[in-house]
N, C-alpha and C. Protein backbone atom coordinates (compact mmCIF):
# COMPACT_ATOMS: atom_id res chain seq x y z
N MET A 1 29.14 -20.26 10.41
CA MET A 1 30.64 -19.90 9.79
C MET A 1 30.66 -18.58 8.84
N THR A 2 31.05 -17.46 9.71
CA THR A 2 31.50 -16.13 9.10
C THR A 2 32.62 -15.86 8.38
N LEU A 3 32.53 -14.97 7.09
CA LEU A 3 33.56 -14.77 6.94
C LEU A 3 34.17 -13.57 7.39
N PRO A 4 35.78 -13.60 7.57
CA PRO A 4 36.46 -12.77 8.23
C PRO A 4 35.88 -11.43 7.68
N VAL A 5 35.70 -11.24 6.49
CA VAL A 5 35.16 -9.65 6.16
C VAL A 5 34.02 -9.43 7.12
N PHE A 6 33.38 -10.37 7.38
CA PHE A 6 32.06 -9.93 8.24
C PHE A 6 32.14 -9.92 9.34
N SER A 7 33.26 -10.41 10.13
CA SER A 7 33.32 -10.32 11.50
C SER A 7 32.91 -9.29 12.40
N PHE A 8 32.88 -7.62 11.69
CA PHE A 8 32.46 -6.68 12.37
C PHE A 8 30.73 -6.95 12.35
N LEU A 9 30.35 -7.18 11.32
CA LEU A 9 28.61 -7.45 11.75
C LEU A 9 28.54 -8.90 12.25
N GLN A 10 29.31 -9.33 12.51
CA GLN A 10 28.93 -10.56 13.79
C GLN A 10 29.06 -10.32 14.93
N GLU A 11 29.63 -9.27 15.49
CA GLU A 11 30.05 -8.87 16.57
C GLU A 11 28.87 -7.48 16.85
N TYR A 12 28.64 -7.31 16.10
CA TYR A 12 27.70 -5.92 16.06
C TYR A 12 26.25 -6.84 16.28
N THR A 13 25.95 -7.46 15.81
CA THR A 13 24.58 -8.25 15.41
C THR A 13 24.47 -9.27 16.90
N ASN A 14 25.38 -9.82 17.52
CA ASN A 14 25.47 -10.68 18.39
C ASN A 14 25.18 -10.64 19.70
N ASN A 15 25.51 -9.42 20.23
CA ASN A 15 24.52 -8.62 21.21
C ASN A 15 23.48 -8.25 21.26
N ASP A 16 22.77 -7.72 20.22
CA ASP A 16 20.99 -8.04 20.11
C ASP A 16 20.37 -9.53 20.13
N LEU A 17 21.35 -9.97 19.22
CA LEU A 17 20.23 -11.35 19.23
C LEU A 17 20.82 -12.12 20.33
N SER A 18 21.74 -12.14 21.48
CA SER A 18 21.94 -12.91 22.49
C SER A 18 20.77 -12.15 24.01
N ASN A 19 20.78 -11.13 23.51
CA ASN A 19 19.77 -10.09 24.30
C ASN A 19 18.61 -10.27 24.55
N TYR A 20 18.02 -10.29 23.15
CA TYR A 20 16.55 -10.36 22.99
C TYR A 20 16.09 -12.24 22.62
N TYR A 21 17.06 -12.45 22.03
CA TYR A 21 16.62 -14.14 21.64
C TYR A 21 17.10 -15.52 22.54
N GLY A 22 18.03 -15.04 23.10
CA GLY A 22 18.85 -15.92 23.36
C GLY A 22 19.92 -16.74 22.84
N VAL A 23 20.33 -16.50 21.53
CA VAL A 23 20.79 -17.06 20.50
C VAL A 23 22.26 -16.16 20.17
N PHE A 24 22.68 -16.85 18.87
CA PHE A 24 24.10 -16.11 18.60
C PHE A 24 24.07 -16.28 16.91
N ILE A 25 24.60 -15.71 16.71
CA ILE A 25 24.48 -15.93 15.11
C ILE A 25 25.32 -16.92 14.42
N ASP A 26 26.17 -17.23 15.11
CA ASP A 26 26.67 -18.64 14.08
C ASP A 26 25.92 -19.83 14.29
N ASP A 27 24.66 -20.05 15.23
CA ASP A 27 23.88 -21.04 15.62
C ASP A 27 22.81 -21.02 15.00
N ILE A 28 22.38 -19.70 13.71
CA ILE A 28 21.25 -19.66 12.86
C ILE A 28 21.65 -18.90 11.56
N ALA A 29 20.81 -18.82 10.76
CA ALA A 29 20.65 -18.44 9.42
C ALA A 29 20.79 -16.93 9.23
N ALA A 30 21.71 -16.02 8.97
CA ALA A 30 21.49 -15.10 9.35
C ALA A 30 21.59 -13.98 7.81
N PHE A 31 21.17 -12.59 7.83
CA PHE A 31 21.50 -12.06 6.47
C PHE A 31 21.64 -10.83 6.72
N THR A 32 22.70 -9.89 7.26
CA THR A 32 23.20 -8.73 7.96
C THR A 32 23.77 -7.92 7.07
N PHE A 33 23.44 -6.53 7.88
CA PHE A 33 24.36 -5.40 6.86
C PHE A 33 23.77 -4.62 7.53
N ILE A 34 24.99 -3.31 7.70
CA ILE A 34 25.03 -2.38 8.61
C ILE A 34 25.40 -1.16 7.68
N TYR A 35 24.41 0.14 7.80
CA TYR A 35 24.12 1.04 6.91
C TYR A 35 25.21 2.23 7.45
N TYR A 36 24.88 2.55 8.92
CA TYR A 36 25.88 3.37 9.63
C TYR A 36 26.22 3.23 11.02
N ASP A 37 27.29 3.07 11.76
CA ASP A 37 27.21 3.01 13.00
C ASP A 37 28.13 4.15 13.67
N THR A 38 29.34 4.95 13.09
CA THR A 38 29.74 6.11 12.95
C THR A 38 30.11 6.51 11.95
N LYS A 39 29.88 6.08 10.80
CA LYS A 39 29.79 6.68 8.92
C LYS A 39 29.28 5.79 8.62
N TYR A 40 28.82 6.40 7.32
CA TYR A 40 27.92 5.46 6.36
C TYR A 40 28.75 4.69 6.07
N ARG A 41 28.11 3.31 5.87
CA ARG A 41 28.63 2.36 4.89
C ARG A 41 28.14 2.11 3.88
N TRP A 42 28.92 2.52 2.77
CA TRP A 42 28.46 3.06 1.33
C TRP A 42 28.02 1.41 0.36
N LYS A 43 28.83 0.17 0.90
CA LYS A 43 28.68 -1.11 0.14
C LYS A 43 27.16 -1.12 0.16
N SER A 44 26.97 -0.84 2.25
CA SER A 44 25.84 -1.14 2.38
C SER A 44 24.42 -0.54 1.74
N ILE A 45 24.53 1.17 1.43
CA ILE A 45 23.68 1.33 0.95
C ILE A 45 23.63 1.67 -0.56
N CYS A 46 24.80 1.42 -1.01
CA CYS A 46 24.51 0.51 -2.39
C CYS A 46 23.93 -0.58 -2.81
N PHE A 47 23.53 -1.18 -1.91
CA PHE A 47 22.97 -2.56 -2.05
C PHE A 47 21.31 -1.99 -1.74
N ILE A 48 21.52 -1.43 -0.79
CA ILE A 48 19.95 -0.92 -0.66
C ILE A 48 19.21 -0.34 -2.12
N ILE A 49 20.03 0.72 -2.48
CA ILE A 49 19.62 1.40 -3.61
C ILE A 49 19.57 0.73 -4.97
N PHE A 50 19.79 -0.38 -4.86
CA PHE A 50 20.47 -1.64 -6.19
C PHE A 50 18.62 -2.17 -5.24
N ILE A 51 18.53 -2.58 -4.81
CA ILE A 51 16.94 -3.57 -3.98
C ILE A 51 15.98 -2.61 -4.64
N THR A 52 16.06 -1.45 -4.37
CA THR A 52 14.78 -1.01 -4.26
C THR A 52 14.57 -0.48 -6.14
N LEU A 53 16.08 -0.08 -6.66
CA LEU A 53 15.61 0.24 -8.22
C LEU A 53 15.12 -0.89 -8.76
N THR A 54 15.50 -2.49 -8.35
CA THR A 54 15.02 -3.45 -8.79
C THR A 54 13.38 -3.82 -8.72
N MET A 55 12.80 -3.50 -7.03
CA MET A 55 11.72 -3.60 -6.96
C MET A 55 10.84 -2.89 -7.63
N ILE A 56 11.02 -1.21 -7.83
CA ILE A 56 10.56 -0.11 -8.49
C ILE A 56 10.63 -1.02 -9.94
N VAL A 57 11.58 -1.23 -10.74
CA VAL A 57 11.89 -1.67 -12.03
C VAL A 57 10.75 -2.87 -12.05
N GLN A 58 10.46 -3.98 -11.12
CA GLN A 58 9.41 -4.85 -11.39
C GLN A 58 8.20 -4.59 -11.32
N ASN A 59 7.80 -3.67 -10.60
CA ASN A 59 6.43 -3.27 -10.53
C ASN A 59 5.91 -2.45 -11.63
N LEU A 60 7.04 -1.56 -12.14
CA LEU A 60 6.60 -0.79 -13.85
C LEU A 60 6.15 -1.96 -14.76
N ILE A 61 7.11 -2.59 -14.83
CA ILE A 61 6.65 -3.54 -15.37
C ILE A 61 5.72 -4.05 -15.51
N ILE A 62 5.24 -4.60 -14.17
CA ILE A 62 4.04 -5.60 -13.73
C ILE A 62 2.37 -4.08 -14.24
N PHE A 63 2.65 -3.13 -13.87
CA PHE A 63 2.16 -2.38 -14.00
C PHE A 63 1.51 -2.16 -15.42
N PHE A 64 2.36 -1.68 -16.54
CA PHE A 64 2.33 -1.32 -17.62
C PHE A 64 1.48 -3.00 -18.94
N CYS A 65 2.32 -3.71 -17.91
CA CYS A 65 1.76 -5.14 -18.97
C CYS A 65 0.07 -5.66 -17.87
N GLY A 66 0.19 -5.08 -17.10
CA GLY A 66 -1.21 -5.29 -16.71
C GLY A 66 -2.21 -3.98 -17.48
N LEU A 67 -1.90 -2.83 -17.55
CA LEU A 67 -2.49 -2.36 -18.45
C LEU A 67 -2.89 -2.52 -19.70
N LYS A 68 -1.91 -3.01 -20.64
CA LYS A 68 -1.83 -3.54 -22.01
C LYS A 68 -2.58 -5.13 -21.56
N ILE A 69 -2.80 -5.88 -20.54
CA ILE A 69 -3.97 -6.82 -20.61
C ILE A 69 -5.16 -6.09 -21.14
N ARG A 70 -5.44 -5.07 -20.24
CA ARG A 70 -6.50 -4.77 -19.93
C ARG A 70 -6.96 -4.11 -21.11
N ALA A 71 -6.25 -3.39 -21.70
CA ALA A 71 -6.68 -2.54 -23.00
C ALA A 71 -7.06 -3.70 -24.18
N LYS A 72 -6.04 -4.80 -24.16
CA LYS A 72 -6.34 -5.99 -25.24
C LYS A 72 -7.65 -6.70 -24.76
N LEU A 73 -7.90 -7.15 -23.37
CA LEU A 73 -9.00 -7.55 -23.41
C LEU A 73 -10.74 -6.74 -23.48
N TYR A 74 -10.34 -5.22 -22.94
CA TYR A 74 -11.45 -4.81 -23.76
C TYR A 74 -11.94 -4.30 -25.36
N ASN A 75 -10.74 -4.13 -26.01
CA ASN A 75 -10.83 -4.12 -27.41
C ASN A 75 -11.00 -5.58 -28.03
N GLN A 76 -11.06 -6.83 -27.53
CA GLN A 76 -11.42 -7.66 -27.88
C GLN A 76 -12.90 -8.24 -27.59
N LYS A 77 -13.56 -7.37 -26.38
CA LYS A 77 -14.56 -7.82 -25.87
C LYS A 77 -15.92 -8.59 -26.98
N HIS A 78 -15.78 -8.24 -28.06
CA HIS A 78 -17.11 -8.20 -29.33
C HIS A 78 -16.44 -9.73 -29.76
N ARG A 79 -15.21 -10.38 -29.19
CA ARG A 79 -15.10 -11.97 -29.76
C ARG A 79 -15.71 -13.04 -28.74
N TYR A 80 -15.93 -12.21 -27.57
CA TYR A 80 -16.43 -13.28 -26.52
C TYR A 80 -17.78 -13.52 -26.12
N SER A 81 -18.24 -14.41 -25.74
CA SER A 81 -19.62 -14.39 -24.92
C SER A 81 -19.57 -13.85 -23.81
N SER A 82 -20.97 -13.47 -23.34
CA SER A 82 -21.02 -12.18 -22.26
C SER A 82 -20.11 -13.46 -20.52
N ALA A 83 -20.79 -14.48 -20.72
CA ALA A 83 -20.35 -15.43 -20.09
C ALA A 83 -18.51 -15.86 -19.65
N LEU A 84 -17.98 -15.74 -21.26
CA LEU A 84 -16.69 -15.57 -21.04
C LEU A 84 -15.53 -14.43 -20.70
N TYR A 85 -16.39 -13.33 -21.37
CA TYR A 85 -15.67 -12.13 -20.64
C TYR A 85 -15.98 -11.70 -19.22
N LYS A 86 -17.28 -12.14 -18.58
CA LYS A 86 -17.51 -12.00 -17.29
C LYS A 86 -16.07 -12.72 -16.81
N LEU A 87 -15.69 -14.24 -17.18
CA LEU A 87 -14.80 -14.71 -16.78
C LEU A 87 -13.20 -14.35 -16.73
N HIS A 88 -13.13 -13.60 -18.11
CA HIS A 88 -11.73 -13.02 -17.98
C HIS A 88 -11.39 -11.89 -17.37
N GLN A 89 -13.11 -11.19 -17.00
CA GLN A 89 -12.83 -9.66 -15.76
C GLN A 89 -12.34 -10.84 -14.76
N GLN A 90 -13.01 -11.50 -14.38
CA GLN A 90 -12.52 -12.17 -13.23
C GLN A 90 -11.15 -12.92 -12.81
N PHE A 91 -10.44 -13.06 -13.73
CA PHE A 91 -9.13 -13.51 -14.18
C PHE A 91 -8.40 -12.72 -13.58
N PHE A 92 -8.51 -11.16 -14.32
CA PHE A 92 -8.25 -10.41 -14.60
C PHE A 92 -7.88 -9.41 -13.07
N LYS A 93 -8.86 -9.85 -12.58
CA LYS A 93 -9.37 -8.95 -10.94
C LYS A 93 -8.22 -9.83 -10.25
N THR A 94 -8.26 -11.13 -10.59
CA THR A 94 -7.65 -12.06 -9.79
C THR A 94 -6.23 -11.47 -9.44
N LEU A 95 -6.11 -11.26 -10.98
CA LEU A 95 -4.10 -11.23 -11.05
C LEU A 95 -3.77 -9.92 -10.42
N VAL A 96 -4.76 -8.92 -10.82
CA VAL A 96 -4.24 -7.31 -9.98
C VAL A 96 -4.31 -7.74 -9.02
N LEU A 97 -5.08 -8.49 -8.23
CA LEU A 97 -5.12 -8.52 -6.50
C LEU A 97 -3.74 -9.40 -6.50
N GLN A 98 -3.13 -10.27 -6.76
CA GLN A 98 -2.24 -11.24 -6.46
C GLN A 98 -0.73 -10.45 -6.63
N VAL A 99 -0.79 -9.21 -7.45
CA VAL A 99 0.04 -9.00 -7.69
C VAL A 99 0.33 -7.76 -6.77
N THR A 100 -0.47 -6.86 -6.21
CA THR A 100 -0.93 -5.98 -5.36
C THR A 100 -0.51 -6.63 -3.93
N ILE A 101 -1.19 -7.60 -3.75
CA ILE A 101 -1.03 -8.21 -2.20
C ILE A 101 0.54 -8.02 -1.74
N PRO A 102 1.25 -8.73 -2.95
CA PRO A 102 2.91 -9.03 -2.96
C PRO A 102 3.34 -8.01 -2.04
N THR A 103 2.67 -6.44 -3.12
CA THR A 103 3.45 -5.32 -2.77
C THR A 103 2.89 -4.93 -1.44
N LEU A 104 2.16 -4.93 -0.90
CA LEU A 104 1.38 -4.53 0.57
C LEU A 104 2.03 -5.42 1.57
N PHE A 105 2.40 -6.79 1.54
CA PHE A 105 2.39 -7.67 2.58
C PHE A 105 4.16 -8.15 2.28
N ILE A 106 4.84 -7.92 1.26
CA ILE A 106 6.43 -8.48 0.81
C ILE A 106 7.11 -7.15 0.80
N PHE A 107 6.77 -6.29 0.05
CA PHE A 107 7.97 -5.54 -0.48
C PHE A 107 7.95 -4.05 0.05
N ILE A 108 6.61 -3.72 0.89
CA ILE A 108 6.68 -2.84 1.98
C ILE A 108 7.12 -2.61 2.78
N PRO A 109 6.82 -4.01 3.82
CA PRO A 109 7.57 -4.47 4.67
C PRO A 109 9.12 -4.44 4.65
N VAL A 110 9.79 -5.20 3.30
CA VAL A 110 10.82 -4.93 3.13
C VAL A 110 11.62 -3.90 3.13
N PHE A 111 10.99 -2.77 2.38
CA PHE A 111 11.67 -1.26 2.61
C PHE A 111 11.12 -0.80 3.91
N LEU A 112 10.39 -1.00 5.05
CA LEU A 112 10.51 -0.85 6.57
C LEU A 112 11.55 -0.97 6.96
N ILE A 113 12.25 -2.40 6.84
CA ILE A 113 13.26 -2.84 7.38
C ILE A 113 14.87 -2.69 6.88
N LEU A 114 14.62 -2.39 5.65
CA LEU A 114 15.93 -1.68 4.56
C LEU A 114 16.24 -0.10 5.24
N TYR A 115 15.46 0.47 5.21
CA TYR A 115 15.09 1.72 5.98
C TYR A 115 14.76 2.41 7.08
N ALA A 116 14.84 1.40 7.90
CA ALA A 116 14.54 2.18 9.12
C ALA A 116 15.50 2.88 9.53
N PRO A 117 16.80 1.59 9.94
CA PRO A 117 17.92 2.43 10.46
C PRO A 117 19.05 3.41 9.68
N LEU A 118 18.05 3.68 8.55
CA LEU A 118 18.88 5.51 7.98
C LEU A 118 18.02 5.98 8.85
N ILE A 119 16.48 6.14 8.64
CA ILE A 119 16.06 7.70 9.31
C ILE A 119 15.98 7.21 11.52
N GLY A 120 16.51 6.03 11.84
CA GLY A 120 17.03 6.37 13.37
C GLY A 120 15.59 5.16 13.58
N VAL A 121 14.72 4.53 13.37
CA VAL A 121 14.23 3.58 13.99
C VAL A 121 14.68 2.26 14.26
N ASN A 122 14.51 1.56 16.00
CA ASN A 122 14.99 1.04 16.36
C ASN A 122 14.45 -0.59 15.09
N LEU A 123 15.09 -1.30 14.64
CA LEU A 123 15.15 -2.33 13.52
C LEU A 123 14.57 -3.38 14.63
N THR A 124 14.96 -3.25 15.99
CA THR A 124 14.83 -4.56 16.54
C THR A 124 13.27 -4.94 16.76
N VAL A 125 12.48 -3.57 17.43
CA VAL A 125 11.38 -3.80 17.55
C VAL A 125 10.54 -3.82 16.47
N LEU A 126 10.88 -3.30 14.83
CA LEU A 126 9.98 -2.99 14.20
C LEU A 126 10.02 -4.55 13.37
N SER A 127 11.53 -5.50 13.20
CA SER A 127 11.21 -6.83 12.91
C SER A 127 10.50 -7.59 13.55
N THR A 128 10.37 -7.19 14.43
CA THR A 128 9.78 -8.56 15.10
C THR A 128 7.87 -8.55 14.77
N ASN A 129 7.77 -6.57 14.56
CA ASN A 129 5.87 -6.52 14.47
C ASN A 129 5.94 -6.54 13.05
N VAL A 130 7.11 -6.67 11.94
CA VAL A 130 6.73 -6.86 10.30
C VAL A 130 6.43 -8.18 10.01
N PHE A 131 7.38 -8.92 10.41
CA PHE A 131 7.45 -10.04 9.54
C PHE A 131 6.11 -11.08 9.78
N TRP A 132 5.05 -10.68 10.58
CA TRP A 132 4.04 -11.58 10.82
C TRP A 132 3.12 -10.96 9.56
N LEU A 133 3.24 -10.09 8.57
CA LEU A 133 2.62 -9.75 7.14
C LEU A 133 3.19 -10.73 6.35
N PHE A 134 4.91 -11.26 6.19
CA PHE A 134 5.27 -12.36 5.53
C PHE A 134 4.13 -13.87 5.72
N TYR A 135 4.04 -13.92 6.66
CA TYR A 135 3.02 -14.76 7.05
C TYR A 135 1.83 -14.93 6.45
N LEU A 136 0.57 -14.49 6.44
CA LEU A 136 -0.20 -13.79 6.18
C LEU A 136 -0.32 -13.84 4.59
N TYR A 137 0.72 -13.47 3.97
CA TYR A 137 0.44 -13.72 2.26
C TYR A 137 0.62 -14.54 1.76
N PRO A 138 0.40 -16.44 1.99
CA PRO A 138 0.03 -16.93 1.35
C PRO A 138 -1.42 -17.25 1.56
N ALA A 139 -1.89 -17.18 2.78
CA ALA A 139 -3.22 -17.41 3.21
C ALA A 139 -4.08 -16.37 2.36
N ILE A 140 -3.77 -15.51 2.24
CA ILE A 140 -4.64 -13.95 1.64
C ILE A 140 -4.59 -14.48 -0.07
N ASP A 141 -3.38 -14.88 -0.52
CA ASP A 141 -3.04 -15.15 -1.49
C ASP A 141 -4.32 -16.62 -2.46
N SER A 142 -4.28 -17.41 -1.43
CA SER A 142 -5.02 -18.39 -1.98
C SER A 142 -6.94 -17.81 -1.62
N PHE A 143 -6.85 -17.13 -0.74
CA PHE A 143 -8.06 -16.67 -0.69
C PHE A 143 -8.68 -15.82 -1.96
N ILE A 144 -8.05 -14.98 -2.48
CA ILE A 144 -7.96 -13.85 -3.64
C ILE A 144 -8.92 -14.91 -4.41
N VAL A 145 -8.79 -15.78 -4.96
CA VAL A 145 -8.94 -16.77 -5.96
C VAL A 145 -10.78 -17.33 -5.58
N MET A 146 -10.56 -17.38 -4.27
CA MET A 146 -11.42 -17.76 -3.89
C MET A 146 -13.16 -16.99 -3.54
N TYR A 147 -12.56 -15.72 -3.20
CA TYR A 147 -13.05 -14.68 -3.67
C TYR A 147 -13.74 -14.06 -4.80
N VAL A 148 -12.79 -13.92 -5.27
CA VAL A 148 -12.68 -13.02 -6.48
C VAL A 148 -13.57 -14.16 -7.94
N ILE A 149 -13.63 -15.22 -8.30
CA ILE A 149 -13.79 -16.05 -9.09
C ILE A 149 -14.96 -16.78 -8.40
N THR A 150 -16.41 -16.39 -9.77
CA THR A 150 -17.58 -16.81 -8.56
C THR A 150 -18.09 -17.81 -8.62
N GLU A 151 -17.66 -19.02 -9.39
CA GLU A 151 -17.91 -20.15 -9.17
C GLU A 151 -16.88 -20.91 -7.82
N TYR A 152 -16.03 -20.26 -7.44
CA TYR A 152 -15.36 -20.71 -6.46
C TYR A 152 -16.17 -20.09 -5.32
N LYS A 153 -16.04 -18.82 -5.47
CA LYS A 153 -17.54 -18.23 -4.57
C LYS A 153 -18.39 -18.95 -3.97
N SER A 154 -18.92 -19.27 -5.12
CA SER A 154 -20.69 -19.96 -5.43
C SER A 154 -20.50 -21.81 -5.06
N ALA A 155 -19.43 -22.12 -4.56
CA ALA A 155 -19.01 -23.65 -4.15
C ALA A 155 -18.96 -23.47 -2.76
N LEU A 156 -18.05 -22.53 -2.69
CA LEU A 156 -17.71 -22.68 -0.71
C LEU A 156 -18.82 -21.84 -0.04
N LYS A 157 -19.88 -21.34 -0.91
CA LYS A 157 -21.23 -21.23 -0.34
C LYS A 157 -21.84 -22.43 0.02
N GLY A 158 -21.80 -23.01 -0.69
CA GLY A 158 -22.36 -24.38 -1.08
C GLY A 158 -22.09 -25.33 -0.13
N MET A 159 -20.16 -25.28 0.04
CA MET A 159 -19.96 -26.18 1.05
C MET A 159 -20.71 -25.77 2.69
N ALA A 160 -20.29 -24.30 2.98
CA ALA A 160 -20.97 -23.78 4.25
C ALA A 160 -22.14 -24.34 4.71
N THR A 161 -22.93 -24.46 3.55
CA THR A 161 -24.32 -24.32 4.23
C THR A 161 -25.07 -26.02 3.77
């Protein structure tokens, strides 16, 4: 079901969907917006700017909190045994990687998909080649924990031999 406000979007996307995938927009769940056809669609562009700012603010918060955690961990190093400090460092590395990987595998592809039409890139080709990054993320996220934390890595090596 399409709201009357979005009937233009339905007509616009039905052609590509039916040509490339053999389905119609009424048959699937879809989220579409158009930036430019013969004129700029400012509501869509404002929405993209809002999403971009939200992602930037989110990543800045994560970055500054990570710096603060690292500083506190280093300043309290003398309170921990060497084994516990090493474990804390491993957990911190895991945390940093688990924050960085979504940026590479989710946020950057979303930016590519959102901004591609504005710079004239064919979104149909791009979207089919970018979404596989979304599917890799859960596997890589689990692999990070198993690879960085020494106890897990040792257990996996023991299981493999």
